[in-house]
Full PDB file with SEQRES, HELIX, SHEET, SSBOND, CRYST1, ORIGX, SCALE, CONECT and MASTER records, all heavy atoms in Angstrom:
SEQRES   1 A   34  ILE ARG TRP VAL ILE ASP TYR LYS VAL SER THR PRO GLN          
SEQRES   2 A   34  PRO GLY GLU SER GLU ALA ALA PHE PHE SER ARG LYS LEU          
SEQRES   3 A   34  GLU GLN TYR ARG GLY GLN LEU GLU                              
HELIX    1 AA1 GLU A   18  LEU A   33  1                                  16    
CRYST1    1.000    1.000    1.000  90.00  90.00  90.00 P 1           1          
ORIGX1      1.000000  0.000000  0.000000        0.00000                         
ORIGX2      0.000000  1.000000  0.000000        0.00000                         
ORIGX3      0.000000  0.000000  1.000000        0.00000                         
SCALE1      1.000000  0.000000  0.000000        0.00000                         
SCALE2      0.000000  1.000000  0.000000        0.00000                         
SCALE3      0.000000  0.000000  1.000000        0.00000                         
ATOM      1  N   ILE A   1     113.223  88.995 124.079  1.00  0.00           N  
ATOM      2  CA  ILE A   1     112.592  89.185 122.819  1.00  0.00           C  
ATOM      3  C   ILE A   1     113.254  90.405 122.105  1.00  0.00           C  
ATOM      4  O   ILE A   1     113.254  91.432 122.743  1.00  0.00           O  
ATOM      5  CB  ILE A   1     111.103  89.339 122.929  1.00  0.00           C  
ATOM      6  CG1 ILE A   1     110.409  88.085 123.384  1.00  0.00           C  
ATOM      7  CG2 ILE A   1     110.496  89.581 121.480  1.00  0.00           C  
ATOM      8  CD1 ILE A   1     109.019  88.136 123.823  1.00  0.00           C  
ATOM      9  N   ARG A   2     113.646  90.298 120.892  1.00  0.00           N  
ATOM     10  CA  ARG A   2     114.073  91.410 120.171  1.00  0.00           C  
ATOM     11  C   ARG A   2     112.887  92.047 119.481  1.00  0.00           C  
ATOM     12  O   ARG A   2     112.172  91.547 118.891  1.00  0.00           O  
ATOM     13  CB  ARG A   2     115.134  91.099 119.060  1.00  0.00           C  
ATOM     14  CG  ARG A   2     115.490  92.281 118.162  1.00  0.00           C  
ATOM     15  CD  ARG A   2     116.774  92.189 117.466  1.00  0.00           C  
ATOM     16  NE  ARG A   2     117.925  92.129 118.244  1.00  0.00           N  
ATOM     17  CZ  ARG A   2     118.535  93.209 118.815  1.00  0.00           C  
ATOM     18  NH1 ARG A   2     118.097  94.332 118.623  1.00  0.00           N  
ATOM     19  NH2 ARG A   2     119.707  92.932 119.536  1.00  0.00           N  
ATOM     20  N   TRP A   3     112.867  93.540 119.705  1.00  0.00           N  
ATOM     21  CA  TRP A   3     111.829  94.275 119.136  1.00  0.00           C  
ATOM     22  C   TRP A   3     112.341  95.094 118.012  1.00  0.00           C  
ATOM     23  O   TRP A   3     113.388  95.672 118.120  1.00  0.00           O  
ATOM     24  CB  TRP A   3     111.206  95.142 120.173  1.00  0.00           C  
ATOM     25  CG  TRP A   3     110.254  94.407 121.143  1.00  0.00           C  
ATOM     26  CD1 TRP A   3     110.593  93.785 122.315  1.00  0.00           C  
ATOM     27  CD2 TRP A   3     108.910  94.079 120.887  1.00  0.00           C  
ATOM     28  NE1 TRP A   3     109.490  93.183 122.796  1.00  0.00           N  
ATOM     29  CE2 TRP A   3     108.367  93.355 122.002  1.00  0.00           C  
ATOM     30  CE3 TRP A   3     107.876  94.451 119.866  1.00  0.00           C  
ATOM     31  CZ2 TRP A   3     107.101  92.860 122.105  1.00  0.00           C  
ATOM     32  CZ3 TRP A   3     106.709  93.919 119.947  1.00  0.00           C  
ATOM     33  CH2 TRP A   3     106.282  93.242 121.024  1.00  0.00           C  
ATOM     34  N   VAL A   4     111.565  95.208 117.064  1.00  0.00           N  
ATOM     35  CA  VAL A   4     111.754  96.122 115.841  1.00  0.00           C  
ATOM     36  C   VAL A   4     110.583  96.985 115.881  1.00  0.00           C  
ATOM     37  O   VAL A   4     109.434  96.685 115.552  1.00  0.00           O  
ATOM     38  CB  VAL A   4     111.818  95.342 114.426  1.00  0.00           C  
ATOM     39  CG1 VAL A   4     111.924  96.259 113.333  1.00  0.00           C  
ATOM     40  CG2 VAL A   4     112.932  94.277 114.548  1.00  0.00           C  
ATOM     41  N   ILE A   5     110.844  98.305 115.954  1.00  0.00           N  
ATOM     42  CA  ILE A   5     109.815  99.311 116.136  1.00  0.00           C  
ATOM     43  C   ILE A   5     110.001 100.380 115.085  1.00  0.00           C  
ATOM     44  O   ILE A   5     111.118 100.962 114.934  1.00  0.00           O  
ATOM     45  CB  ILE A   5     109.760  99.899 117.524  1.00  0.00           C  
ATOM     46  CG1 ILE A   5     109.425  98.798 118.563  1.00  0.00           C  
ATOM     47  CG2 ILE A   5     108.624 100.954 117.565  1.00  0.00           C  
ATOM     48  CD1 ILE A   5     109.569  99.145 119.976  1.00  0.00           C  
ATOM     49  N   ASP A   6     109.070 100.574 114.297  1.00  0.00           N  
ATOM     50  CA  ASP A   6     108.993 101.637 113.274  1.00  0.00           C  
ATOM     51  C   ASP A   6     108.011 102.746 113.568  1.00  0.00           C  
ATOM     52  O   ASP A   6     106.860 102.518 113.864  1.00  0.00           O  
ATOM     53  CB  ASP A   6     108.687 101.059 111.817  1.00  0.00           C  
ATOM     54  CG  ASP A   6     109.092 101.883 110.737  1.00  0.00           C  
ATOM     55  OD1 ASP A   6     110.247 102.356 110.562  1.00  0.00           O  
ATOM     56  OD2 ASP A   6     108.252 102.267 109.809  1.00  0.00           O  
ATOM     57  N   TYR A   7     108.566 104.020 113.722  1.00  0.00           N  
ATOM     58  CA  TYR A   7     107.684 105.121 114.081  1.00  0.00           C  
ATOM     59  C   TYR A   7     107.007 105.723 112.734  1.00  0.00           C  
ATOM     60  O   TYR A   7     107.542 105.744 111.697  1.00  0.00           O  
ATOM     61  CB  TYR A   7     108.616 106.333 114.588  1.00  0.00           C  
ATOM     62  CG  TYR A   7     109.400 105.984 115.795  1.00  0.00           C  
ATOM     63  CD1 TYR A   7     110.777 106.258 115.745  1.00  0.00           C  
ATOM     64  CD2 TYR A   7     108.779 105.418 116.977  1.00  0.00           C  
ATOM     65  CE1 TYR A   7     111.568 105.924 116.941  1.00  0.00           C  
ATOM     66  CE2 TYR A   7     109.607 105.048 118.080  1.00  0.00           C  
ATOM     67  CZ  TYR A   7     110.969 105.325 118.050  1.00  0.00           C  
ATOM     68  OH  TYR A   7     111.694 105.085 119.135  1.00  0.00           O  
ATOM     69  N   LYS A   8     105.763 106.030 113.013  1.00  0.00           N  
ATOM     70  CA  LYS A   8     104.969 106.600 111.818  1.00  0.00           C  
ATOM     71  C   LYS A   8     104.270 107.746 112.444  1.00  0.00           C  
ATOM     72  O   LYS A   8     103.595 107.753 113.596  1.00  0.00           O  
ATOM     73  CB  LYS A   8     103.847 105.502 111.341  1.00  0.00           C  
ATOM     74  CG  LYS A   8     104.601 104.291 110.761  1.00  0.00           C  
ATOM     75  CD  LYS A   8     105.245 104.631 109.544  1.00  0.00           C  
ATOM     76  CE  LYS A   8     105.995 103.311 108.974  1.00  0.00           C  
ATOM     77  NZ  LYS A   8     107.084 103.621 108.040  1.00  0.00           N  
ATOM     78  N   VAL A   9     104.149 108.828 111.629  1.00  0.00           N  
ATOM     79  CA  VAL A   9     103.494 110.052 112.067  1.00  0.00           C  
ATOM     80  C   VAL A   9     102.030 110.213 111.588  1.00  0.00           C  
ATOM     81  O   VAL A   9     101.483 111.213 111.735  1.00  0.00           O  
ATOM     82  CB  VAL A   9     104.321 111.353 111.749  1.00  0.00           C  
ATOM     83  CG1 VAL A   9     105.552 111.285 112.563  1.00  0.00           C  
ATOM     84  CG2 VAL A   9     104.593 111.403 110.284  1.00  0.00           C  
ATOM     85  N   SER A  10     101.512 109.174 110.878  1.00  0.00           N  
ATOM     86  CA  SER A  10     100.225 109.322 110.393  1.00  0.00           C  
ATOM     87  C   SER A  10      99.221 109.122 111.563  1.00  0.00           C  
ATOM     88  O   SER A  10      99.428 108.686 112.695  1.00  0.00           O  
ATOM     89  CB  SER A  10      99.979 108.217 109.269  1.00  0.00           C  
ATOM     90  OG  SER A  10     100.166 106.930 109.780  1.00  0.00           O  
ATOM     91  N   THR A  11      97.957 109.601 111.257  1.00  0.00           N  
ATOM     92  CA  THR A  11      96.855 109.537 112.261  1.00  0.00           C  
ATOM     93  C   THR A  11      95.611 109.051 111.478  1.00  0.00           C  
ATOM     94  O   THR A  11      95.515 109.016 110.348  1.00  0.00           O  
ATOM     95  CB  THR A  11      96.528 110.873 112.760  1.00  0.00           C  
ATOM     96  OG1 THR A  11      96.189 111.857 111.693  1.00  0.00           O  
ATOM     97  CG2 THR A  11      97.699 111.479 113.548  1.00  0.00           C  
ATOM     98  N   PRO A  12      94.704 108.550 112.216  1.00  0.00           N  
ATOM     99  CA  PRO A  12      93.375 107.982 111.607  1.00  0.00           C  
ATOM    100  C   PRO A  12      92.698 108.988 110.809  1.00  0.00           C  
ATOM    101  O   PRO A  12      92.732 110.193 111.117  1.00  0.00           O  
ATOM    102  CB  PRO A  12      92.533 107.547 112.812  1.00  0.00           C  
ATOM    103  CG  PRO A  12      93.530 107.328 113.887  1.00  0.00           C  
ATOM    104  CD  PRO A  12      94.567 108.323 113.642  1.00  0.00           C  
ATOM    105  N   GLN A  13      92.032 108.518 109.764  1.00  0.00           N  
ATOM    106  CA  GLN A  13      91.308 109.366 108.925  1.00  0.00           C  
ATOM    107  C   GLN A  13      90.030 109.798 109.600  1.00  0.00           C  
ATOM    108  O   GLN A  13      89.607 109.111 110.706  1.00  0.00           O  
ATOM    109  CB  GLN A  13      90.757 108.736 107.593  1.00  0.00           C  
ATOM    110  CG  GLN A  13      92.010 108.372 106.751  1.00  0.00           C  
ATOM    111  CD  GLN A  13      91.582 107.499 105.529  1.00  0.00           C  
ATOM    112  OE1 GLN A  13      90.499 107.174 105.420  1.00  0.00           O  
ATOM    113  NE2 GLN A  13      92.504 107.265 104.738  1.00  0.00           N  
ATOM    114  N   PRO A  14      89.389 110.964 109.363  1.00  0.00           N  
ATOM    115  CA  PRO A  14      88.110 111.325 110.079  1.00  0.00           C  
ATOM    116  C   PRO A  14      87.145 110.127 110.102  1.00  0.00           C  
ATOM    117  O   PRO A  14      86.800 109.653 109.043  1.00  0.00           O  
ATOM    118  CB  PRO A  14      87.707 112.551 109.270  1.00  0.00           C  
ATOM    119  CG  PRO A  14      88.915 113.074 108.652  1.00  0.00           C  
ATOM    120  CD  PRO A  14      89.783 111.912 108.275  1.00  0.00           C  
ATOM    121  N   GLY A  15      86.625 109.861 111.250  1.00  0.00           N  
ATOM    122  CA  GLY A  15      85.665 108.801 111.465  1.00  0.00           C  
ATOM    123  C   GLY A  15      86.170 107.375 111.403  1.00  0.00           C  
ATOM    124  O   GLY A  15      85.484 106.383 111.706  1.00  0.00           O  
ATOM    125  N   GLU A  16      87.493 107.183 111.181  1.00  0.00           N  
ATOM    126  CA  GLU A  16      88.182 105.824 111.114  1.00  0.00           C  
ATOM    127  C   GLU A  16      88.416 105.377 112.640  1.00  0.00           C  
ATOM    128  O   GLU A  16      89.027 106.208 113.366  1.00  0.00           O  
ATOM    129  CB  GLU A  16      89.418 105.945 110.359  1.00  0.00           C  
ATOM    130  CG  GLU A  16      90.079 104.473 110.180  1.00  0.00           C  
ATOM    131  CD  GLU A  16      91.282 104.612 109.369  1.00  0.00           C  
ATOM    132  OE1 GLU A  16      91.967 105.646 109.372  1.00  0.00           O  
ATOM    133  OE2 GLU A  16      91.632 103.650 108.738  1.00  0.00           O  
ATOM    134  N   SER A  17      88.016 104.348 112.970  1.00  0.00           N  
ATOM    135  CA  SER A  17      88.306 103.746 114.267  1.00  0.00           C  
ATOM    136  C   SER A  17      89.852 103.443 114.396  1.00  0.00           C  
ATOM    137  O   SER A  17      90.522 103.289 113.442  1.00  0.00           O  
ATOM    138  CB  SER A  17      87.470 102.464 114.604  1.00  0.00           C  
ATOM    139  OG  SER A  17      87.890 101.430 113.815  1.00  0.00           O  
ATOM    140  N   GLU A  18      90.289 103.371 115.700  1.00  0.00           N  
ATOM    141  CA  GLU A  18      91.659 103.110 115.896  1.00  0.00           C  
ATOM    142  C   GLU A  18      92.020 101.748 115.375  1.00  0.00           C  
ATOM    143  O   GLU A  18      93.032 101.542 114.836  1.00  0.00           O  
ATOM    144  CB  GLU A  18      92.048 103.270 117.372  1.00  0.00           C  
ATOM    145  CG  GLU A  18      93.471 103.205 117.713  1.00  0.00           C  
ATOM    146  CD  GLU A  18      93.795 103.481 119.098  1.00  0.00           C  
ATOM    147  OE1 GLU A  18      93.680 102.700 120.019  1.00  0.00           O  
ATOM    148  OE2 GLU A  18      94.147 104.749 119.384  1.00  0.00           O  
ATOM    149  N   ALA A  19      91.103 100.834 115.648  1.00  0.00           N  
ATOM    150  CA  ALA A  19      91.354  99.419 115.160  1.00  0.00           C  
ATOM    151  C   ALA A  19      91.448  99.352 113.616  1.00  0.00           C  
ATOM    152  O   ALA A  19      92.346  98.648 113.134  1.00  0.00           O  
ATOM    153  CB  ALA A  19      90.226  98.518 115.707  1.00  0.00           C  
ATOM    154  N   ALA A  20      90.631  99.986 113.011  1.00  0.00           N  
ATOM    155  CA  ALA A  20      90.652 100.093 111.496  1.00  0.00           C  
ATOM    156  C   ALA A  20      91.950 100.680 110.998  1.00  0.00           C  
ATOM    157  O   ALA A  20      92.570 100.170 110.000  1.00  0.00           O  
ATOM    158  CB  ALA A  20      89.417 100.743 110.866  1.00  0.00           C  
ATOM    159  N   PHE A  21      92.276 101.812 111.717  1.00  0.00           N  
ATOM    160  CA  PHE A  21      93.567 102.542 111.255  1.00  0.00           C  
ATOM    161  C   PHE A  21      94.767 101.579 111.456  1.00  0.00           C  
ATOM    162  O   PHE A  21      95.607 101.465 110.638  1.00  0.00           O  
ATOM    163  CB  PHE A  21      93.696 103.732 112.130  1.00  0.00           C  
ATOM    164  CG  PHE A  21      95.010 104.518 112.086  1.00  0.00           C  
ATOM    165  CD1 PHE A  21      95.400 105.080 110.964  1.00  0.00           C  
ATOM    166  CD2 PHE A  21      95.863 104.373 113.079  1.00  0.00           C  
ATOM    167  CE1 PHE A  21      96.585 105.802 110.855  1.00  0.00           C  
ATOM    168  CE2 PHE A  21      97.044 105.077 113.079  1.00  0.00           C  
ATOM    169  CZ  PHE A  21      97.502 105.724 111.999  1.00  0.00           C  
ATOM    170  N   PHE A  22      94.888 100.852 112.654  1.00  0.00           N  
ATOM    171  CA  PHE A  22      96.051 100.052 112.915  1.00  0.00           C  
ATOM    172  C   PHE A  22      96.000  98.851 111.874  1.00  0.00           C  
ATOM    173  O   PHE A  22      97.053  98.443 111.301  1.00  0.00           O  
ATOM    174  CB  PHE A  22      95.883  99.497 114.337  1.00  0.00           C  
ATOM    175  CG  PHE A  22      96.237 100.482 115.368  1.00  0.00           C  
ATOM    176  CD1 PHE A  22      95.774 100.203 116.677  1.00  0.00           C  
ATOM    177  CD2 PHE A  22      96.928 101.578 115.126  1.00  0.00           C  
ATOM    178  CE1 PHE A  22      96.043 101.176 117.717  1.00  0.00           C  
ATOM    179  CE2 PHE A  22      97.181 102.477 116.092  1.00  0.00           C  
ATOM    180  CZ  PHE A  22      96.810 102.307 117.397  1.00  0.00           C  
ATOM    181  N   SER A  23      94.966  98.238 111.635  1.00  0.00           N  
ATOM    182  CA  SER A  23      94.790  97.232 110.654  1.00  0.00           C  
ATOM    183  C   SER A  23      95.291  97.691 109.266  1.00  0.00           C  
ATOM    184  O   SER A  23      96.108  97.016 108.590  1.00  0.00           O  
ATOM    185  CB  SER A  23      93.349  96.715 110.470  1.00  0.00           C  
ATOM    186  OG  SER A  23      93.258  95.690 109.549  1.00  0.00           O  
ATOM    187  N   ARG A  24      94.886  98.886 108.828  1.00  0.00           N  
ATOM    188  CA  ARG A  24      95.245  99.501 107.555  1.00  0.00           C  
ATOM    189  C   ARG A  24      96.773  99.659 107.502  1.00  0.00           C  
ATOM    190  O   ARG A  24      97.477  99.351 106.432  1.00  0.00           O  
ATOM    191  CB  ARG A  24      94.428 100.682 107.270  1.00  0.00           C  
ATOM    192  CG  ARG A  24      94.791 101.401 105.955  1.00  0.00           C  
ATOM    193  CD  ARG A  24      93.759 102.470 105.624  1.00  0.00           C  
ATOM    194  NE  ARG A  24      93.635 103.573 106.666  1.00  0.00           N  
ATOM    195  CZ  ARG A  24      94.449 104.596 106.699  1.00  0.00           C  
ATOM    196  NH1 ARG A  24      95.388 104.688 105.777  1.00  0.00           N  
ATOM    197  NH2 ARG A  24      94.277 105.565 107.609  1.00  0.00           N  
ATOM    198  N   LYS A  25      97.346 100.299 108.549  1.00  0.00           N  
ATOM    199  CA  LYS A  25      98.714 100.511 108.556  1.00  0.00           C  
ATOM    200  C   LYS A  25      99.653  99.324 108.639  1.00  0.00           C  
ATOM    201  O   LYS A  25     100.687  99.340 108.120  1.00  0.00           O  
ATOM    202  CB  LYS A  25      99.113 101.528 109.700  1.00  0.00           C  
ATOM    203  CG  LYS A  25      98.454 102.940 109.353  1.00  0.00           C  
ATOM    204  CD  LYS A  25      99.047 103.534 108.254  1.00  0.00           C  
ATOM    205  CE  LYS A  25      98.521 104.809 107.822  1.00  0.00           C  
ATOM    206  NZ  LYS A  25      99.057 105.452 106.605  1.00  0.00           N  
ATOM    207  N   LEU A  26      99.179  98.302 109.400  1.00  0.00           N  
ATOM    208  CA  LEU A  26      99.816  97.040 109.434  1.00  0.00           C  
ATOM    209  C   LEU A  26     100.013  96.420 108.045  1.00  0.00           C  
ATOM    210  O   LEU A  26     101.007  95.926 107.712  1.00  0.00           O  
ATOM    211  CB  LEU A  26      99.261  96.182 110.528  1.00  0.00           C  
ATOM    212  CG  LEU A  26      99.651  96.443 111.914  1.00  0.00           C  
ATOM    213  CD1 LEU A  26      98.802  95.481 112.852  1.00  0.00           C  
ATOM    214  CD2 LEU A  26     101.170  96.156 112.205  1.00  0.00           C  
ATOM    215  N   GLU A  27      98.934  96.453 107.354  1.00  0.00           N  
ATOM    216  CA  GLU A  27      98.982  95.921 105.999  1.00  0.00           C  
ATOM    217  C   GLU A  27      99.849  96.665 105.070  1.00  0.00           C  
ATOM    218  O   GLU A  27     100.609  96.184 104.257  1.00  0.00           O  
ATOM    219  CB  GLU A  27      97.527  95.821 105.437  1.00  0.00           C  
ATOM    220  CG  GLU A  27      96.873  94.590 106.018  1.00  0.00           C  
ATOM    221  CD  GLU A  27      97.575  93.346 106.057  1.00  0.00           C  
ATOM    222  OE1 GLU A  27      98.134  92.879 105.043  1.00  0.00           O  
ATOM    223  OE2 GLU A  27      97.802  92.688 107.180  1.00  0.00           O  
ATOM    224  N   GLN A  28      99.838  98.052 105.191  1.00  0.00           N  
ATOM    225  CA  GLN A  28     100.593  98.956 104.419  1.00  0.00           C  
ATOM    226  C   GLN A  28     102.043  98.681 104.711  1.00  0.00           C  
ATOM    227  O   GLN A  28     102.851  98.721 103.751  1.00  0.00           O  
ATOM    228  CB  GLN A  28     100.208 100.321 104.760  1.00  0.00           C  
ATOM    229  CG  GLN A  28     100.999 101.377 103.899  1.00  0.00           C  
ATOM    230  CD  GLN A  28     100.634 102.865 104.225  1.00  0.00           C  
ATOM    231  OE1 GLN A  28      99.598 103.060 104.965  1.00  0.00           O  
ATOM    232  NE2 GLN A  28     101.430 103.792 103.690  1.00  0.00           N  
ATOM    233  N   TYR A  29     102.437  98.465 105.977  1.00  0.00           N  
ATOM    234  CA  TYR A  29     103.883  98.382 106.249  1.00  0.00           C  
ATOM    235  C   TYR A  29     104.351  96.986 106.602  1.00  0.00           C  
ATOM    236  O   TYR A  29     105.392  96.793 107.083  1.00  0.00           O  
ATOM    237  CB  TYR A  29     104.183  99.301 107.501  1.00  0.00           C  
ATOM    238  CG  TYR A  29     104.030 100.832 107.066  1.00  0.00           C  
ATOM    239  CD1 TYR A  29     102.941 101.558 107.522  1.00  0.00           C  
ATOM    240  CD2 TYR A  29     104.930 101.340 106.208  1.00  0.00           C  
ATOM    241  CE1 TYR A  29     102.838 102.832 107.051  1.00  0.00           C  
ATOM    242  CE2 TYR A  29     104.873 102.702 105.772  1.00  0.00           C  
ATOM    243  CZ  TYR A  29     103.849 103.440 106.250  1.00  0.00           C  
ATOM    244  OH  TYR A  29     103.608 104.688 105.876  1.00  0.00           O  
ATOM    245  N   ARG A  30     103.577  95.949 106.353  1.00  0.00           N  
ATOM    246  CA  ARG A  30     103.851  94.584 106.686  1.00  0.00           C  
ATOM    247  C   ARG A  30     105.206  94.167 105.959  1.00  0.00           C  
ATOM    248  O   ARG A  30     106.111  93.610 106.623  1.00  0.00           O  
ATOM    249  CB  ARG A  30     102.710  93.621 106.216  1.00  0.00           C  
ATOM    250  CG  ARG A  30     103.033  92.134 106.408  1.00  0.00           C  
ATOM    251  CD  ARG A  30     101.879  91.176 106.006  1.00  0.00           C  
ATOM    252  NE  ARG A  30     100.761  91.494 106.787  1.00  0.00           N  
ATOM    253  CZ  ARG A  30     100.650  90.986 108.065  1.00  0.00           C  
ATOM    254  NH1 ARG A  30     101.443  90.242 108.631  1.00  0.00           N  
ATOM    255  NH2 ARG A  30      99.482  91.283 108.762  1.00  0.00           N  
ATOM    256  N   GLY A  31     105.273  94.471 104.624  1.00  0.00           N  
ATOM    257  CA  GLY A  31     106.535  94.015 103.974  1.00  0.00           C  
ATOM    258  C   GLY A  31     107.836  94.714 104.576  1.00  0.00           C  
ATOM    259  O   GLY A  31     108.834  94.035 104.767  1.00  0.00           O  
ATOM    260  N   GLN A  32     107.668  95.893 104.991  1.00  0.00           N  
ATOM    261  CA  GLN A  32     108.889  96.584 105.502  1.00  0.00           C  
ATOM    262  C   GLN A  32     109.221  96.003 106.894  1.00  0.00           C  
ATOM    263  O   GLN A  32     110.375  95.727 107.028  1.00  0.00           O  
ATOM    264  CB  GLN A  32     108.492  98.146 105.730  1.00  0.00           C  
ATOM    265  CG  GLN A  32     109.537  98.907 106.409  1.00  0.00           C  
ATOM    266  CD  GLN A  32     109.102 100.429 106.725  1.00  0.00           C  
ATOM    267  OE1 GLN A  32     108.010 100.768 106.409  1.00  0.00           O  
ATOM    268  NE2 GLN A  32     109.953 101.224 107.224  1.00  0.00           N  
ATOM    269  N   LEU A  33     108.221  95.759 107.784  1.00  0.00           N  
ATOM    270  CA  LEU A  33     108.540  95.205 108.996  1.00  0.00           C  
ATOM    271  C   LEU A  33     109.042  93.766 108.846  1.00  0.00           C  
ATOM    272  O   LEU A  33     110.068  93.370 109.620  1.00  0.00           O  
ATOM    273  CB  LEU A  33     107.304  95.161 109.900  1.00  0.00           C  
ATOM    274  CG  LEU A  33     106.724  96.595 110.289  1.00  0.00           C  
ATOM    275  CD1 LEU A  33     105.364  96.332 111.056  1.00  0.00           C  
ATOM    276  CD2 LEU A  33     107.761  97.229 111.219  1.00  0.00           C  
ATOM    277  N   GLU A  34     108.562  92.990 107.955  1.00  0.00           N  
ATOM    278  CA  GLU A  34     109.002  91.608 107.685  1.00  0.00           C  
ATOM    279  C   GLU A  34     110.471  91.667 107.252  1.00  0.00           C  
ATOM    280  O   GLU A  34     111.284  90.775 107.648  1.00  0.00           O  
ATOM    281  CB  GLU A  34     108.080  90.863 106.876  1.00  0.00           C  
ATOM    282  CG  GLU A  34     106.758  90.462 107.540  1.00  0.00           C  
ATOM    283  CD  GLU A  34     105.794  89.857 106.548  1.00  0.00           C  
ATOM    284  OE1 GLU A  34     105.851  89.957 105.358  1.00  0.00           O  
ATOM    285  OE2 GLU A  34     104.771  89.268 107.188  1.00  0.00           O  
TER     286      GLU A  34                                                      
MASTER        0    0    0    1    0    0    0    6  285    1    0    3          
END                                                                             
C-alpha cells in the first residue's frame, strides 16, 4: 500500500476531544489529501 502522509502542527482546541479534532482536521484537509 502506498501511503501519503501530511504533517500538521495543530492541536485540539481546549476541551475538544481527540476524535472531534481528527474529524474536523480530516474535513479541513480532505481536498488536499485527495
